[in-house]
């Protein structure tokens, strides 16, 4: 594709994200996006230092930037639905988490909040890959960090969308499939946990084993129940539309993060 067309599409994706999250960039309560209390600052600083030290400056900072954008997507989505107290914190080696004083009121809101964390990262991922051929000739030193950021952004968000609790994919599984069939989330969680467990054994990947343990813990705690809040269910038609949006987002991140996924999985 022509670089000019690619850049226009990437910038269009950024603008589209802005329109979707319009009203979520600021808070009527004037609270901060990132928890800037002493505890929040300390934990976030440790997260940056740990990522830099363990993964190196380029890969580590790509992880941190991706997590910050991802968590801000959750915060902005919370604020769009009226949760103006929403903020987030970074957690060393575990990414981050968004904070709100109450749960979403409907299944549609829960899907919106859960999906917008990863989805907001689509635009910067596409933009990073688009800038490589455009800036590469004049600024060759930018090729590597842009490529690493784009691939890390894709891989991290793809993994986050897997149907494992408490990842965003697990929340989407509980919310969307409960509207289709009460027992479906349990069987999906069990199948995903078993498959990832098999990959963890075959490839001897510790971080996959951590994902398996999270999934197994959720299966044990729910014992076949979906565990979702008792709000009114969305229609099956809306559930299938949400499922399509989830599948498209996951597929896009798989494409973008394939290099990193193949390297580490």
Protein backbone atom coordinates (compact mmCIF):
# COMPACT_ATOMS: atom_id res chain seq x y z
CA UNK A 1 0.00 0.00 0.00
CA UNK A 2 1.15 3.54 -0.76
CA UNK A 3 2.85 5.07 2.36
CA UNK A 4 0.72 8.21 2.08
CA UNK A 5 -2.48 6.15 2.04
CA UNK A 6 -1.20 4.05 4.97
CA UNK A 7 -0.42 7.18 6.99
CA UNK A 8 -3.84 8.64 6.23
CA UNK A 9 -5.52 5.41 7.41
CA UNK A 10 -3.40 5.33 10.57
CA UNK A 11 -4.20 8.94 11.42
CA UNK A 12 -7.84 8.24 10.61
CA UNK A 13 -7.77 5.38 13.14
CA UNK A 14 -6.35 7.78 15.75
CA UNK A 15 -9.07 10.34 15.00
CA UNK A 16 -11.76 7.65 15.10
CA UNK A 17 -10.52 6.55 18.52
CA UNK A 18 -10.73 10.15 19.70
CA UNK A 19 -14.33 10.42 18.53
CA UNK A 20 -15.34 7.14 20.20
CA UNK A 21 -13.83 8.24 23.50
CA UNK A 22 -14.98 11.85 23.27
CA UNK A 23 -16.00 12.91 26.75
CA UNK A 24 -13.62 10.46 28.37
CA UNK A 25 -10.42 12.48 28.16
CA UNK A 26 -11.23 14.70 31.13
CA UNK A 27 -13.06 14.28 34.41
CA UNK A 28 -15.77 16.53 35.78
CA UNK A 29 -14.39 15.78 39.23
CA UNK A 30 -10.92 16.93 38.08
CA UNK A 31 -9.33 13.72 39.20
CA UNK A 32 -6.08 12.55 37.67
CA UNK A 33 -5.80 9.90 34.98
CA UNK A 34 -2.87 8.22 36.68
CA UNK A 35 -3.10 7.94 40.46
CA UNK A 36 -0.52 10.51 41.57
CA UNK A 37 -0.74 9.90 45.30
CA UNK A 38 2.58 8.85 46.89
CA UNK A 39 1.67 5.14 46.72
CA UNK A 40 0.63 5.40 43.09
CA UNK A 41 3.80 7.26 42.14
CA UNK A 42 5.98 4.75 43.95
CA UNK A 43 4.35 1.67 42.43
CA UNK A 44 4.39 3.20 38.94
CA UNK A 45 8.06 4.16 39.26
CA UNK A 46 8.92 0.59 40.31
CA UNK A 47 7.02 -0.72 37.28
CA UNK A 48 9.07 1.46 34.92
CA UNK A 49 12.38 0.52 36.59
CA UNK A 50 11.54 -3.21 36.59
CA UNK A 51 10.55 -3.18 32.90
CA UNK A 52 13.70 -1.21 31.95
CA UNK A 53 16.01 -3.48 33.98
CA UNK A 54 14.50 -6.86 32.99
CA UNK A 55 13.62 -6.25 29.33
CA UNK A 56 16.02 -3.48 28.32
CA UNK A 57 15.30 0.14 27.44
CA UNK A 58 13.52 -0.31 24.08
CA UNK A 59 11.46 -3.43 24.86
CA UNK A 60 10.84 -2.37 28.45
CA UNK A 61 9.64 1.11 27.58
CA UNK A 62 7.51 -0.30 24.77
CA UNK A 63 5.79 -2.46 27.39
CA UNK A 64 5.25 0.49 29.73
CA UNK A 65 3.93 2.79 27.00
CA UNK A 66 1.58 0.07 25.78
CA UNK A 67 0.26 -0.57 29.29
CA UNK A 68 -0.24 3.17 29.92
CA UNK A 69 -2.21 3.59 26.67
CA UNK A 70 -4.17 0.41 27.39
CA UNK A 71 -5.16 1.44 30.92
CA UNK A 72 -6.01 4.94 29.79
CA UNK A 73 -8.41 3.35 27.30
CA UNK A 74 -10.24 1.74 30.23
CA UNK A 75 -10.25 5.03 32.15
CA UNK A 76 -11.57 7.01 29.18
CA UNK A 77 -14.28 4.39 28.57
CA UNK A 78 -15.30 4.53 32.24
CA UNK A 79 -15.59 8.31 32.00
CA UNK A 80 -17.62 8.12 28.78
CA UNK A 81 -20.25 6.09 30.70
CA UNK A 82 -20.21 8.59 33.57
CA UNK A 83 -17.60 7.22 36.00
CA UNK A 84 -15.68 10.46 36.44
CA UNK A 85 -13.61 9.17 39.34
CA UNK A 86 -11.83 6.57 37.15
CA UNK A 87 -8.02 6.42 37.17
CA UNK A 88 -5.34 3.76 36.86
CA UNK A 89 -2.03 2.58 38.30
CA UNK A 90 0.92 0.63 36.99
CA UNK A 91 1.95 -2.59 38.74
CA UNK A 92 5.51 -3.95 38.48
CA UNK A 93 5.67 -7.00 36.16
CA UNK A 94 1.86 -7.27 36.07
CA UNK A 95 0.93 -4.34 33.84
CA UNK A 96 -1.67 -2.08 35.41
CA UNK A 97 -5.25 -1.78 36.51
CA UNK A 98 -8.04 0.77 36.10
CA UNK A 99 -9.98 1.96 39.13
CA UNK A 100 -13.60 3.06 39.42
CA UNK A 101 -15.88 3.35 42.44
CA UNK A 102 -18.65 1.26 40.87
CA UNK A 103 -19.18 -1.43 38.26
CA UNK A 104 -20.71 -0.75 34.82
CA UNK A 105 -24.51 -0.71 34.95
CA UNK A 106 -25.20 -2.85 31.86
CA UNK A 107 -23.56 -5.62 29.90
CA UNK A 108 -23.06 -3.23 27.00
CA UNK A 109 -21.15 -0.85 29.27
CA UNK A 110 -19.04 -3.72 30.61
CA UNK A 111 -18.09 -4.76 27.07
CA UNK A 112 -17.27 -1.15 26.15
CA UNK A 113 -15.00 -0.67 29.16
CA UNK A 114 -13.30 -4.07 28.77
CA UNK A 115 -12.73 -3.77 25.02
CA UNK A 116 -11.59 -0.14 24.93
CA UNK A 117 -8.45 -0.90 26.93
CA UNK A 118 -6.98 -3.02 24.13
CA UNK A 119 -8.84 -1.28 21.29
CA UNK A 120 -7.32 2.14 22.00
CA UNK A 121 -3.92 0.57 21.23
CA UNK A 122 -4.90 -0.32 17.64
CA UNK A 123 -4.29 3.21 16.35
CA UNK A 124 -0.77 3.68 17.83
CA UNK A 125 0.22 0.17 16.74
CA UNK A 126 -0.84 0.83 13.14
CA UNK A 127 0.76 4.28 13.25
CA UNK A 128 4.09 2.82 14.43
CA UNK A 129 4.20 0.27 11.60
CA UNK A 130 3.14 2.94 9.09
CA UNK A 131 5.93 5.34 10.11
CA UNK A 132 8.68 2.74 9.56
CA UNK A 133 8.82 3.01 5.73
CA UNK A 134 8.06 6.73 5.82
CA UNK A 135 10.76 7.74 8.33
CA UNK A 136 13.14 4.81 7.85
CA UNK A 137 15.13 6.33 4.99
CA UNK A 138 15.77 9.65 6.74
CA UNK A 139 15.87 8.41 10.34
CA UNK A 140 17.07 4.77 10.28
CA UNK A 141 17.59 4.76 14.06
CA UNK A 142 13.81 4.97 14.48
CA UNK A 143 13.11 1.72 12.63
CA UNK A 144 13.98 -0.62 15.50
CA UNK A 145 12.10 1.17 18.33
CA UNK A 146 9.03 1.67 16.13
CA UNK A 147 9.05 -1.99 15.08
CA UNK A 148 9.50 -3.18 18.67
CA UNK A 149 6.74 -0.92 19.97
CA UNK A 150 4.30 -2.01 17.26
CA UNK A 151 5.02 -5.70 17.82
CA UNK A 152 4.93 -5.47 21.63
CA UNK A 153 1.70 -3.48 21.47
CA UNK A 154 0.13 -6.16 19.28
CA UNK A 155 1.38 -9.14 21.31
CA UNK A 156 0.51 -7.73 24.73
CA UNK A 157 -3.01 -6.75 23.75
CA UNK A 158 -3.63 -10.03 21.92
CA UNK A 159 -2.68 -11.98 25.04
CA UNK A 160 -4.89 -9.68 27.08
CA UNK A 161 -7.86 -10.59 24.88
CA UNK A 162 -7.52 -14.34 25.46
CA UNK A 163 -10.57 -15.84 27.24
CA UNK A 164 -8.82 -16.15 30.61
CA UNK A 165 -9.98 -14.48 33.84
CA UNK A 166 -9.13 -11.78 35.00
CA UNK A 167 -7.79 -10.59 31.64
CA UNK A 168 -10.04 -8.36 29.54
CA UNK A 169 -10.74 -11.36 27.31
CA UNK A 170 -12.05 -13.22 30.36
CA UNK A 171 -14.38 -10.36 31.25
CA UNK A 172 -15.58 -10.21 27.64
CA UNK A 173 -16.18 -13.97 27.69
CA UNK A 174 -18.29 -13.77 30.84
CA UNK A 175 -20.27 -10.76 29.65
CA UNK A 176 -20.88 -11.65 25.99
CA UNK A 177 -21.40 -15.40 26.19
CA UNK A 178 -23.66 -15.19 29.24
CA UNK A 179 -26.10 -13.32 27.00
CA UNK A 180 -25.98 -16.27 24.59
CA UNK A 181 -25.85 -19.27 26.95
CA UNK A 182 -25.40 -19.44 30.73
CA UNK A 183 -22.91 -22.31 30.66
CA UNK A 184 -20.89 -21.16 27.65
CA UNK A 185 -18.35 -19.05 29.62
CA UNK A 186 -17.38 -21.97 31.85
CA UNK A 187 -16.71 -24.32 28.93
CA UNK A 188 -14.79 -21.62 27.04
CA UNK A 189 -12.64 -20.89 30.10
CA UNK A 190 -11.98 -24.60 30.61
CA UNK A 191 -11.00 -25.16 26.97
CA UNK A 192 -8.77 -22.06 26.81
CA UNK A 193 -7.05 -22.95 30.09
CA UNK A 194 -6.36 -26.49 28.88
CA UNK A 195 -4.96 -25.33 25.53
CA UNK A 196 -2.72 -22.68 27.07
CA UNK A 197 -1.61 -25.20 29.69
CA UNK A 198 -0.59 -27.59 26.90
CA UNK A 199 1.39 -24.80 25.21
CA UNK A 200 3.05 -23.92 28.52
CA UNK A 201 4.23 -27.53 28.95
CA UNK A 202 5.33 -28.03 25.35
CA UNK A 203 7.19 -24.71 25.12
CA UNK A 204 8.25 -24.51 28.78
CA UNK A 205 7.04 -20.93 29.18
CA UNK A 206 6.58 -19.80 32.77
CA UNK A 207 4.42 -16.78 31.94
CA UNK A 208 1.95 -19.07 30.12
CA UNK A 209 1.81 -21.17 33.26
CA UNK A 210 0.88 -18.04 35.23
CA UNK A 211 -2.02 -17.47 32.81
CA UNK A 212 -3.10 -21.10 33.30
CA UNK A 213 -3.06 -20.71 37.08
CA UNK A 214 -5.26 -17.61 36.84
CA UNK A 215 -7.70 -19.47 34.61
CA UNK A 216 -7.76 -22.54 36.85
CA UNK A 217 -8.39 -20.42 39.94
CA UNK A 218 -11.37 -18.80 38.25
CA UNK A 219 -12.79 -22.16 37.18
CA UNK A 220 -12.52 -23.47 40.73
CA UNK A 221 -14.10 -20.37 42.27
CA UNK A 222 -17.06 -20.20 39.88
CA UNK A 223 -17.71 -23.98 39.73
CA UNK A 224 -19.60 -23.70 36.48
CA UNK A 225 -21.33 -20.40 37.17
CA UNK A 226 -20.51 -17.37 35.06
CA UNK A 227 -19.97 -15.06 38.04
CA UNK A 228 -21.14 -11.95 36.19
CA UNK A 229 -22.97 -9.08 37.92
CA UNK A 230 -26.79 -9.37 37.93
CA UNK A 231 -27.53 -6.67 35.39
CA UNK A 232 -30.05 -7.02 32.58
CA UNK A 233 -28.76 -9.09 29.70
CA UNK A 234 -28.15 -7.59 26.30
CA UNK A 235 -29.93 -9.11 23.33
CA UNK A 236 -28.30 -11.97 21.46
CA UNK A 237 -27.99 -9.73 18.41
CA UNK A 238 -25.94 -7.21 20.39
CA UNK A 239 -23.93 -10.04 21.92
CA UNK A 240 -22.94 -11.28 18.46
CA UNK A 241 -22.01 -7.73 17.39
CA UNK A 242 -19.81 -7.41 20.49
CA UNK A 243 -18.28 -10.81 19.73
CA UNK A 244 -17.45 -9.66 16.19
CA UNK A 245 -15.78 -6.49 17.50
CA UNK A 246 -13.75 -8.57 19.97
CA UNK A 247 -12.70 -11.05 17.28
CA UNK A 248 -11.66 -8.28 14.86
CA UNK A 249 -9.62 -6.51 17.53
CA UNK A 250 -7.89 -9.73 18.59
CA UNK A 251 -7.11 -10.65 14.97
CA UNK A 252 -5.59 -7.22 14.31
CA UNK A 253 -3.36 -7.50 17.37
CA UNK A 254 -2.34 -11.04 16.43
CA UNK A 255 -1.18 -9.73 13.05
CA UNK A 256 0.71 -6.84 14.62
CA UNK A 257 2.27 -8.86 17.43
CA UNK A 258 3.06 -12.07 15.53
CA UNK A 259 6.82 -11.47 15.63
CA UNK A 260 6.91 -11.06 19.41
CA UNK A 261 4.44 -13.91 19.95
CA UNK A 262 6.56 -16.30 17.86
CA UNK A 263 9.69 -15.25 19.71
CA UNK A 264 8.37 -15.69 23.23
CA UNK A 265 5.70 -18.38 22.78
